[in-house]
Structure formats: C-alpha cells, structure tokens
C-alpha cells in the first residue's frame, strides 16, 4: 500500500496528507497497527490534516501525540482540519 496520509502517534485524531487529496477520495491510513479507510469530505492540501475520527467542539486536536489546538465546532471524519475549525490553545482565553 502506497501511503498518501500518515498518523504518527496512537493518540492522534488527525492524519497528515502526504500529497494533495481530493474531496470524495477514499484514503487508507495505518492507525494503531491496523488500517482504516476514510472518505474525505473536503480537499486536503499536501501537509494539511484531516480528521480520522469525529472531534467534538472543544475537544483537543492531537497530531504527533501533541495537542496542537482545540476544535471550534464538530469536525467530522474525513473533514479538513485547519484554521476554519481549530483555535490555538496557546493563546486562547479559555485555556
């Protein structure tokens, strides 16, 4: 299987696109020793993230085992995860 997305830590709730990915594309991703298939709900540019599980509003976004932000709304599996649905926790008044 040629990788098109990468999950680096078992705690991650996002995958990283290794090439430009298109809405509707079915992507297979290795997660915790298994493989899951995610149908993308949005275009996801190279290097950007998409959700590999549902992320509730207010829940942390975890990439490489580290918290990188907080969901500002519900993020569905396969949805592009970026500034339109994530806020920084570093400077957030709710932190």
PDB file of N, CA and C in Angstrom:
ATOM      1  N   UNK A   1       0.845  -1.177   0.000  1.00  0.00           N
ATOM      2  CA  UNK A   1       0.000   0.000   0.000  1.00  0.00           C
ATOM      3  C   UNK A   1       0.892   1.242   0.000  1.00  0.00           C
ATOM      4  N   UNK A   2       0.691   2.107  -0.979  1.00  0.00           N
ATOM      5  CA  UNK A   2       1.441   3.356  -1.029  1.00  0.00           C
ATOM      6  C   UNK A   2       0.758   4.367  -0.115  1.00  0.00           C
ATOM      7  N   UNK A   3       1.497   4.917   0.816  1.00  0.00           N
ATOM      8  CA  UNK A   3       0.928   5.872   1.774  1.00  0.00           C
ATOM      9  C   UNK A   3       0.620   7.207   1.124  1.00  0.00           C
ATOM     10  N   UNK A   4      -0.582   7.705   1.426  1.00  0.00           N
ATOM     11  CA  UNK A   4      -0.957   9.047   0.973  1.00  0.00           C
ATOM     12  C   UNK A   4      -1.255   9.935   2.168  1.00  0.00           C
ATOM     13  N   UNK A   5      -1.286   9.317   3.370  1.00  0.00           N
ATOM     14  CA  UNK A   5      -1.511  10.068   4.606  1.00  0.00           C
ATOM     15  C   UNK A   5      -0.832   9.309   5.733  1.00  0.00           C
ATOM     16  N   UNK A   6      -0.515  10.026   6.800  1.00  0.00           N
ATOM     17  CA  UNK A   6       0.281   9.463   7.870  1.00  0.00           C
ATOM     18  C   UNK A   6      -0.279   9.843   9.233  1.00  0.00           C
ATOM     19  N   UNK A   7      -0.368   8.847  10.119  1.00  0.00           N
ATOM     20  CA  UNK A   7      -0.696   9.061  11.531  1.00  0.00           C
ATOM     21  C   UNK A   7       0.550   8.650  12.301  1.00  0.00           C
ATOM     22  N   UNK A   8       1.087   9.552  13.107  1.00  0.00           N
ATOM     23  CA  UNK A   8       2.379   9.300  13.745  1.00  0.00           C
ATOM     24  C   UNK A   8       2.302   8.786  15.175  1.00  0.00           C
ATOM     25  N   UNK A   9       1.154   8.910  15.824  1.00  0.00           N
ATOM     26  CA  UNK A   9       1.041   8.500  17.230  1.00  0.00           C
ATOM     27  C   UNK A   9      -0.339   7.910  17.467  1.00  0.00           C
ATOM     28  N   UNK A  10      -0.432   6.936  18.330  1.00  0.00           N
ATOM     29  CA  UNK A  10      -1.711   6.265  18.605  1.00  0.00           C
ATOM     30  C   UNK A  10      -2.752   7.214  19.186  1.00  0.00           C
ATOM     31  N   UNK A  11      -2.317   8.336  19.776  1.00  0.00           N
ATOM     32  CA  UNK A  11      -3.249   9.310  20.362  1.00  0.00           C
ATOM     33  C   UNK A  11      -3.804  10.302  19.348  1.00  0.00           C
ATOM     34  N   UNK A  12      -3.238  10.330  18.150  1.00  0.00           N
ATOM     35  CA  UNK A  12      -3.636  11.309  17.136  1.00  0.00           C
ATOM     36  C   UNK A  12      -5.095  11.126  16.719  1.00  0.00           C
ATOM     37  N   UNK A  13      -5.771  12.237  16.486  1.00  0.00           N
ATOM     38  CA  UNK A  13      -7.124  12.179  15.924  1.00  0.00           C
ATOM     39  C   UNK A  13      -7.168  12.801  14.526  1.00  0.00           C
ATOM     40  N   UNK A  14      -5.978  13.081  13.992  1.00  0.00           N
ATOM     41  CA  UNK A  14      -5.854  13.588  12.622  1.00  0.00           C
ATOM     42  C   UNK A  14      -4.742  12.822  11.906  1.00  0.00           C
ATOM     43  N   UNK A  15      -4.838  12.813  10.577  1.00  0.00           N
ATOM     44  CA  UNK A  15      -3.781  12.280   9.722  1.00  0.00           C
ATOM     45  C   UNK A  15      -3.222  13.437   8.907  1.00  0.00           C
ATOM     46  N   UNK A  16      -2.001  13.279   8.439  1.00  0.00           N
ATOM     47  CA  UNK A  16      -1.312  14.298   7.656  1.00  0.00           C
ATOM     48  C   UNK A  16      -1.279  13.849   6.195  1.00  0.00           C
ATOM     49  N   UNK A  17      -1.737  14.711   5.291  1.00  0.00           N
ATOM     50  CA  UNK A  17      -1.742  14.394   3.862  1.00  0.00           C
ATOM     51  C   UNK A  17      -0.319  14.440   3.306  1.00  0.00           C
ATOM     52  N   UNK A  18       0.083  13.378   2.612  1.00  0.00           N
ATOM     53  CA  UNK A  18       1.415  13.308   2.018  1.00  0.00           C
ATOM     54  C   UNK A  18       1.423  13.748   0.556  1.00  0.00           C
ATOM     55  N   UNK A  19       0.255  14.117   0.072  1.00  0.00           N
ATOM     56  CA  UNK A  19       0.083  14.721  -1.256  1.00  0.00           C
ATOM     57  C   UNK A  19      -1.250  15.450  -1.232  1.00  0.00           C
ATOM     58  N   UNK A  20      -1.531  16.242  -2.239  1.00  0.00           N
ATOM     59  CA  UNK A  20      -2.853  16.864  -2.335  1.00  0.00           C
ATOM     60  C   UNK A  20      -3.900  15.765  -2.448  1.00  0.00           C
ATOM     61  N   UNK A  21      -4.922  15.827  -1.595  1.00  0.00           N
ATOM     62  CA  UNK A  21      -6.001  14.839  -1.589  1.00  0.00           C
ATOM     63  C   UNK A  21      -7.295  15.540  -1.990  1.00  0.00           C
ATOM     64  N   UNK A  22      -8.197  14.809  -2.615  1.00  0.00           N
ATOM     65  CA  UNK A  22      -9.417  15.405  -3.148  1.00  0.00           C
ATOM     66  C   UNK A  22     -10.666  14.939  -2.409  1.00  0.00           C
ATOM     67  N   UNK A  23     -11.627  15.833  -2.323  1.00  0.00           N
ATOM     68  CA  UNK A  23     -12.927  15.525  -1.742  1.00  0.00           C
ATOM     69  C   UNK A  23     -13.485  14.265  -2.409  1.00  0.00           C
ATOM     70  N   UNK A  24     -14.021  13.347  -1.597  1.00  0.00           N
ATOM     71  CA  UNK A  24     -14.585  12.104  -2.114  1.00  0.00           C
ATOM     72  C   UNK A  24     -13.587  10.970  -2.232  1.00  0.00           C
ATOM     73  N   UNK A  25     -12.296  11.286  -2.169  1.00  0.00           N
ATOM     74  CA  UNK A  25     -11.256  10.259  -2.248  1.00  0.00           C
ATOM     75  C   UNK A  25     -11.312   9.382  -0.999  1.00  0.00           C
ATOM     76  N   UNK A  26     -11.158   8.076  -1.182  1.00  0.00           N
ATOM     77  CA  UNK A  26     -11.081   7.148  -0.049  1.00  0.00           C
ATOM     78  C   UNK A  26      -9.611   6.896   0.251  1.00  0.00           C
ATOM     79  N   UNK A  27      -9.240   7.205   1.474  1.00  0.00           N
ATOM     80  CA  UNK A  27      -7.836   7.134   1.892  1.00  0.00           C
ATOM     81  C   UNK A  27      -7.691   6.057   2.961  1.00  0.00           C
ATOM     82  N   UNK A  28      -6.736   5.159   2.756  1.00  0.00           N
ATOM     83  CA  UNK A  28      -6.434   4.131   3.762  1.00  0.00           C
ATOM     84  C   UNK A  28      -5.267   4.633   4.606  1.00  0.00           C
ATOM     85  N   UNK A  29      -5.438   4.551   5.927  1.00  0.00           N
ATOM     86  CA  UNK A  29      -4.443   5.078   6.862  1.00  0.00           C
ATOM     87  C   UNK A  29      -4.139   4.020   7.918  1.00  0.00           C
ATOM     88  N   UNK A  30      -2.855   3.812   8.184  1.00  0.00           N
ATOM     89  CA  UNK A  30      -2.445   2.897   9.256  1.00  0.00           C
ATOM     90  C   UNK A  30      -2.610   3.602  10.593  1.00  0.00           C
ATOM     91  N   UNK A  31      -3.379   2.961  11.497  1.00  0.00           N
ATOM     92  CA  UNK A  31      -3.643   3.521  12.823  1.00  0.00           C
ATOM     93  C   UNK A  31      -3.581   2.406  13.848  1.00  0.00           C
ATOM     94  N   UNK A  32      -2.710   2.554  14.833  1.00  0.00           N
ATOM     95  CA  UNK A  32      -2.613   1.594  15.943  1.00  0.00           C
ATOM     96  C   UNK A  32      -2.472   0.156  15.466  1.00  0.00           C
ATOM     97  N   UNK A  33      -1.650  -0.093  14.476  1.00  0.00           N
ATOM     98  CA  UNK A  33      -1.393  -1.436  13.993  1.00  0.00           C
ATOM     99  C   UNK A  33      -2.436  -1.968  13.027  1.00  0.00           C
ATOM    100  N   UNK A  34      -3.471  -1.203  12.756  1.00  0.00           N
ATOM    101  CA  UNK A  34      -4.491  -1.600  11.791  1.00  0.00           C
ATOM    102  C   UNK A  34      -4.596  -0.582  10.687  1.00  0.00           C
ATOM    103  N   UNK A  35      -5.566  -0.779   9.819  1.00  0.00           N
ATOM    104  CA  UNK A  35      -5.788   0.149   8.709  1.00  0.00           C
ATOM    105  C   UNK A  35      -7.250   0.574   8.743  1.00  0.00           C
ATOM    106  N   UNK A  36      -7.466   1.878   8.619  1.00  0.00           N
ATOM    107  CA  UNK A  36      -8.831   2.393   8.496  1.00  0.00           C
ATOM    108  C   UNK A  36      -8.960   3.067   7.139  1.00  0.00           C
ATOM    109  N   UNK A  37     -10.188   3.151   6.648  1.00  0.00           N
ATOM    110  CA  UNK A  37     -10.444   3.863   5.404  1.00  0.00           C
ATOM    111  C   UNK A  37     -11.316   5.070   5.703  1.00  0.00           C
ATOM    112  N   UNK A  38     -10.889   6.211   5.228  1.00  0.00           N
ATOM    113  CA  UNK A  38     -11.595   7.474   5.452  1.00  0.00           C
ATOM    114  C   UNK A  38     -11.972   8.061   4.094  1.00  0.00           C
ATOM    115  N   UNK A  39     -13.218   8.436   3.942  1.00  0.00           N
ATOM    116  CA  UNK A  39     -13.652   9.149   2.741  1.00  0.00           C
ATOM    117  C   UNK A  39     -13.579  10.633   3.047  1.00  0.00           C
ATOM    118  N   UNK A  40     -12.826  11.355   2.250  1.00  0.00           N
ATOM    119  CA  UNK A  40     -12.597  12.779   2.506  1.00  0.00           C
ATOM    120  C   UNK A  40     -13.828  13.610   2.180  1.00  0.00           C
ATOM    121  N   UNK A  41     -14.160  14.516   3.073  1.00  0.00           N
ATOM    122  CA  UNK A  41     -15.302  15.411   2.899  1.00  0.00           C
ATOM    123  C   UNK A  41     -14.907  16.729   2.257  1.00  0.00           C
ATOM    124  N   UNK A  42     -13.606  16.987   2.194  1.00  0.00           N
ATOM    125  CA  UNK A  42     -13.067  18.231   1.627  1.00  0.00           C
ATOM    126  C   UNK A  42     -11.787  17.907   0.878  1.00  0.00           C
ATOM    127  N   UNK A  43     -11.345  18.824   0.023  1.00  0.00           N
ATOM    128  CA  UNK A  43      -9.978  18.762  -0.494  1.00  0.00           C
ATOM    129  C   UNK A  43      -9.040  18.988   0.687  1.00  0.00           C
ATOM    130  N   UNK A  44      -7.923  18.263   0.712  1.00  0.00           N
ATOM    131  CA  UNK A  44      -6.932  18.422   1.779  1.00  0.00           C
ATOM    132  C   UNK A  44      -5.572  18.616   1.106  1.00  0.00           C
ATOM    133  N   UNK A  45      -5.005  19.821   1.187  1.00  0.00           N
ATOM    134  CA  UNK A  45      -3.706  20.070   0.551  1.00  0.00           C
ATOM    135  C   UNK A  45      -2.576  19.282   1.228  1.00  0.00           C
ATOM    136  N   UNK A  46      -1.510  19.061   0.474  1.00  0.00           N
ATOM    137  CA  UNK A  46      -0.307  18.412   0.987  1.00  0.00           C
ATOM    138  C   UNK A  46       0.127  19.068   2.304  1.00  0.00           C
ATOM    139  N   UNK A  47       0.415  18.244   3.305  1.00  0.00           N
ATOM    140  CA  UNK A  47       0.896  18.745   4.590  1.00  0.00           C
ATOM    141  C   UNK A  47      -0.194  19.150   5.557  1.00  0.00           C
ATOM    142  N   UNK A  48      -1.424  19.238   5.076  1.00  0.00           N
ATOM    143  CA  UNK A  48      -2.539  19.597   5.954  1.00  0.00           C
ATOM    144  C   UNK A  48      -3.105  18.340   6.612  1.00  0.00           C
ATOM    145  N   UNK A  49      -4.059  18.542   7.496  1.00  0.00           N
ATOM    146  CA  UNK A  49      -4.606  17.454   8.301  1.00  0.00           C
ATOM    147  C   UNK A  49      -6.070  17.200   7.957  1.00  0.00           C
ATOM    148  N   UNK A  50      -6.498  15.944   8.222  1.00  0.00           N
ATOM    149  CA  UNK A  50      -7.916  15.606   8.165  1.00  0.00           C
ATOM    150  C   UNK A  50      -8.239  14.709   9.352  1.00  0.00           C
ATOM    151  N   UNK A  51      -9.488  14.761   9.781  1.00  0.00           N
ATOM    152  CA  UNK A  51      -9.915  14.002  10.960  1.00  0.00           C
ATOM    153  C   UNK A  51     -10.040  12.519  10.630  1.00  0.00           C
ATOM    154  N   UNK A  52      -9.510  11.686  11.520  1.00  0.00           N
ATOM    155  CA  UNK A  52      -9.644  10.231  11.352  1.00  0.00           C
ATOM    156  C   UNK A  52     -10.695   9.675  12.308  1.00  0.00           C
ATOM    157  N   UNK A  53     -11.227  10.535  13.145  1.00  0.00           N
ATOM    158  CA  UNK A  53     -12.379  10.204  13.982  1.00  0.00           C
ATOM    159  C   UNK A  53     -13.118  11.507  14.254  1.00  0.00           C
ATOM    160  N   UNK A  54     -14.361  11.399  14.679  1.00  0.00           N
ATOM    161  CA  UNK A  54     -15.129  12.602  14.983  1.00  0.00           C
ATOM    162  C   UNK A  54     -14.488  13.344  16.151  1.00  0.00           C
ATOM    163  N   UNK A  55     -14.393  14.657  16.023  1.00  0.00           N
ATOM    164  CA  UNK A  55     -13.824  15.502  17.071  1.00  0.00           C
ATOM    165  C   UNK A  55     -14.922  16.487  17.485  1.00  0.00           C
ATOM    166  N   UNK A  56     -15.329  16.413  18.734  1.00  0.00           N
ATOM    167  CA  UNK A  56     -16.396  17.286  19.229  1.00  0.00           C
ATOM    168  C   UNK A  56     -15.896  18.714  19.452  1.00  0.00           C
ATOM    169  N   UNK A  57     -16.816  19.664  19.406  1.00  0.00           N
ATOM    170  CA  UNK A  57     -16.475  21.052  19.705  1.00  0.00           C
ATOM    171  C   UNK A  57     -15.826  21.129  21.078  1.00  0.00           C
ATOM    172  N   UNK A  58     -14.706  21.835  21.170  1.00  0.00           N
ATOM    173  CA  UNK A  58     -13.986  21.986  22.431  1.00  0.00           C
ATOM    174  C   UNK A  58     -12.958  20.894  22.696  1.00  0.00           C
ATOM    175  N   UNK A  59     -12.990  19.820  21.929  1.00  0.00           N
ATOM    176  CA  UNK A  59     -12.037  18.718  22.108  1.00  0.00           C
ATOM    177  C   UNK A  59     -10.694  19.105  21.495  1.00  0.00           C
ATOM    178  N   UNK A  60      -9.618  18.594  22.073  1.00  0.00           N
ATOM    179  CA  UNK A  60      -8.277  18.884  21.562  1.00  0.00           C
ATOM    180  C   UNK A  60      -8.014  18.168  20.243  1.00  0.00           C
ATOM    181  N   UNK A  61      -7.266  18.835  19.381  1.00  0.00           N
ATOM    182  CA  UNK A  61      -6.737  18.241  18.158  1.00  0.00           C
ATOM    183  C   UNK A  61      -5.345  17.737  18.519  1.00  0.00           C
ATOM    184  N   UNK A  62      -5.087  16.463  18.236  1.00  0.00           N
ATOM    185  CA  UNK A  62      -3.816  15.841  18.602  1.00  0.00           C
ATOM    186  C   UNK A  62      -3.117  15.352  17.340  1.00  0.00           C
ATOM    187  N   UNK A  63      -1.884  15.833  17.136  1.00  0.00           N
ATOM    188  CA  UNK A  63      -1.042  15.442  16.000  1.00  0.00           C
ATOM    189  C   UNK A  63       0.340  15.112  16.556  1.00  0.00           C
ATOM    190  N   UNK A  64       0.908  14.018  16.134  1.00  0.00           N
ATOM    191  CA  UNK A  64       2.228  13.569  16.611  1.00  0.00           C
ATOM    192  C   UNK A  64       2.218  13.382  18.128  1.00  0.00           C
ATOM    193  N   UNK A  65       1.049  13.035  18.678  1.00  0.00           N
ATOM    194  CA  UNK A  65       0.929  12.811  20.115  1.00  0.00           C
ATOM    195  C   UNK A  65       0.855  14.071  20.941  1.00  0.00           C
ATOM    196  N   UNK A  66       0.812  15.236  20.293  1.00  0.00           N
ATOM    197  CA  UNK A  66       0.805  16.520  20.992  1.00  0.00           C
ATOM    198  C   UNK A  66      -0.464  17.308  20.674  1.00  0.00           C
ATOM    199  N   UNK A  67      -0.974  18.009  21.664  1.00  0.00           N
ATOM    200  CA  UNK A  67      -2.125  18.888  21.445  1.00  0.00           C
ATOM    201  C   UNK A  67      -1.659  20.073  20.612  1.00  0.00           C
ATOM    202  N   UNK A  68      -2.360  20.314  19.501  1.00  0.00           N
ATOM    203  CA  UNK A  68      -1.993  21.438  18.630  1.00  0.00           C
ATOM    204  C   UNK A  68      -3.094  22.481  18.528  1.00  0.00           C
ATOM    205  N   UNK A  69      -4.243  22.213  19.126  1.00  0.00           N
ATOM    206  CA  UNK A  69      -5.349  23.160  19.074  1.00  0.00           C
ATOM    207  C   UNK A  69      -6.608  22.557  19.659  1.00  0.00           C
ATOM    208  N   UNK A  70      -7.699  23.302  19.508  1.00  0.00           N
ATOM    209  CA  UNK A  70      -8.998  22.860  20.024  1.00  0.00           C
ATOM    210  C   UNK A  70     -10.044  23.087  18.936  1.00  0.00           C
ATOM    211  N   UNK A  71     -10.939  22.120  18.765  1.00  0.00           N
ATOM    212  CA  UNK A  71     -11.993  22.218  17.753  1.00  0.00           C
ATOM    213  C   UNK A  71     -12.974  23.326  18.128  1.00  0.00           C
ATOM    214  N   UNK A  72     -13.271  24.200  17.182  1.00  0.00           N
ATOM    215  CA  UNK A  72     -14.224  25.287  17.418  1.00  0.00           C
ATOM    216  C   UNK A  72     -15.653  24.863  17.082  1.00  0.00           C
ATOM    217  N   UNK A  73     -15.776  23.683  16.496  1.00  0.00           N
ATOM    218  CA  UNK A  73     -17.082  23.102  16.171  1.00  0.00           C
ATOM    219  C   UNK A  73     -16.874  21.608  15.941  1.00  0.00           C
ATOM    220  N   UNK A  74     -17.948  20.878  15.765  1.00  0.00           N
ATOM    221  CA  UNK A  74     -17.837  19.463  15.452  1.00  0.00           C
ATOM    222  C   UNK A  74     -17.071  19.284  14.150  1.00  0.00           C
ATOM    223  N   UNK A  75     -16.093  18.387  14.165  1.00  0.00           N
ATOM    224  CA  UNK A  75     -15.324  18.064  12.965  1.00  0.00           C
ATOM    225  C   UNK A  75     -15.602  16.599  12.642  1.00  0.00           C
ATOM    226  N   UNK A  76     -16.122  16.353  11.460  1.00  0.00           N
ATOM    227  CA  UNK A  76     -16.500  15.003  11.049  1.00  0.00           C
ATOM    228  C   UNK A  76     -15.300  14.236  10.506  1.00  0.00           C
ATOM    229  N   UNK A  77     -15.390  12.914  10.564  1.00  0.00           N
ATOM    230  CA  UNK A  77     -14.361  12.052   9.979  1.00  0.00           C
ATOM    231  C   UNK A  77     -14.212  12.417   8.507  1.00  0.00           C
ATOM    232  N   UNK A  78     -12.966  12.634   8.073  1.00  0.00           N
ATOM    233  CA  UNK A  78     -12.681  12.967   6.683  1.00  0.00           C
ATOM    234  C   UNK A  78     -12.683  14.452   6.377  1.00  0.00           C
ATOM    235  N   UNK A  79     -12.977  15.263   7.379  1.00  0.00           N
ATOM    236  CA  UNK A  79     -13.022  16.709   7.173  1.00  0.00           C
ATOM    237  C   UNK A  79     -11.626  17.322   7.320  1.00  0.00           C
ATOM    238  N   UNK A  80     -11.342  18.324   6.487  1.00  0.00           N
ATOM    239  CA  UNK A  80     -10.091  19.080   6.568  1.00  0.00           C
ATOM    240  C   UNK A  80     -10.033  19.761   7.942  1.00  0.00           C
ATOM    241  N   UNK A  81      -8.918  19.640   8.620  1.00  0.00           N
ATOM    242  CA  UNK A  81      -8.729  20.244   9.941  1.00  0.00           C
ATOM    243  C   UNK A  81      -7.713  21.367   9.773  1.00  0.00           C
ATOM    244  N   UNK A  82      -8.183  22.606   9.979  1.00  0.00           N
ATOM    245  CA  UNK A  82      -7.310  23.766   9.747  1.00  0.00           C
ATOM    246  C   UNK A  82      -7.883  24.959  10.514  1.00  0.00           C
ATOM    247  N   UNK A  83      -7.448  26.154  10.194  1.00  0.00           N
ATOM    248  CA  UNK A  83      -7.819  27.352  10.954  1.00  0.00           C
ATOM    249  C   UNK A  83      -9.317  27.654  10.943  1.00  0.00           C
ATOM    250  N   UNK A  84     -10.067  27.117  10.005  1.00  0.00           N
ATOM    251  CA  UNK A  84     -11.508  27.370   9.934  1.00  0.00           C
ATOM    252  C   UNK A  84     -12.291  26.579  10.978  1.00  0.00           C
ATOM    253  N   UNK A  85     -11.669  25.568  11.598  1.00  0.00           N
ATOM    254  CA  UNK A  85     -12.378  24.770  12.605  1.00  0.00           C
ATOM    255  C   UNK A  85     -11.521  24.422  13.826  1.00  0.00           C
ATOM    256  N   UNK A  86     -10.383  25.090  13.956  1.00  0.00           N
ATOM    257  CA  UNK A  86      -9.463  24.865  15.079  1.00  0.00           C
ATOM    258  C   UNK A  86      -8.978  26.215  15.599  1.00  0.00           C
ATOM    259  N   UNK A  87      -8.889  26.320  16.934  1.00  0.00           N
ATOM    260  CA  UNK A  87      -8.296  27.510  17.538  1.00  0.00           C
ATOM    261  C   UNK A  87      -7.039  27.105  18.293  1.00  0.00           C
ATOM    262  N   UNK A  88      -6.130  28.025  18.410  1.00  0.00           N
ATOM    263  CA  UNK A  88      -4.912  27.789  19.171  1.00  0.00           C
ATOM    264  C   UNK A  88      -5.252  27.671  20.650  1.00  0.00           C
ATOM    265  N   UNK A  89      -4.618  26.758  21.344  1.00  0.00           N
ATOM    266  CA  UNK A  89      -4.793  26.694  22.794  1.00  0.00           C
ATOM    267  C   UNK A  89      -3.701  27.487  23.489  1.00  0.00           C
ATOM    268  N   UNK A  90      -2.693  27.826  22.779  1.00  0.00           N
ATOM    269  CA  UNK A  90      -1.580  28.577  23.347  1.00  0.00           C
ATOM    270  C   UNK A  90      -2.015  29.975  23.776  1.00  0.00           C
ATOM    271  N   UNK A  91      -2.857  30.612  22.966  1.00  0.00           N
ATOM    272  CA  UNK A  91      -3.270  31.980  23.250  1.00  0.00           C
ATOM    273  C   UNK A  91      -4.756  32.118  23.508  1.00  0.00           C
ATOM    274  N   UNK A  92      -5.438  30.993  23.651  1.00  0.00           N
ATOM    275  CA  UNK A  92      -6.886  31.009  23.817  1.00  0.00           C
ATOM    276  C   UNK A  92      -7.272  31.513  25.203  1.00  0.00           C
ATOM    277  N   UNK A  93      -8.268  32.390  25.289  1.00  0.00           N
ATOM    278  CA  UNK A  93      -8.728  32.881  26.599  1.00  0.00           C
ATOM    279  C   UNK A  93      -9.396  31.783  27.440  1.00  0.00           C
ATOM    280  N   UNK A  94      -9.773  30.658  26.799  1.00  0.00           N
ATOM    281  CA  UNK A  94     -10.414  29.563  27.542  1.00  0.00           C
ATOM    282  C   UNK A  94      -9.401  28.620  28.165  1.00  0.00           C
ATOM    283  N   UNK A  95      -8.117  28.814  27.911  1.00  0.00           N
ATOM    284  CA  UNK A  95      -7.096  27.909  28.429  1.00  0.00           C
ATOM    285  C   UNK A  95      -6.815  28.194  29.889  1.00  0.00           C
TER     286      UNK A  95
END
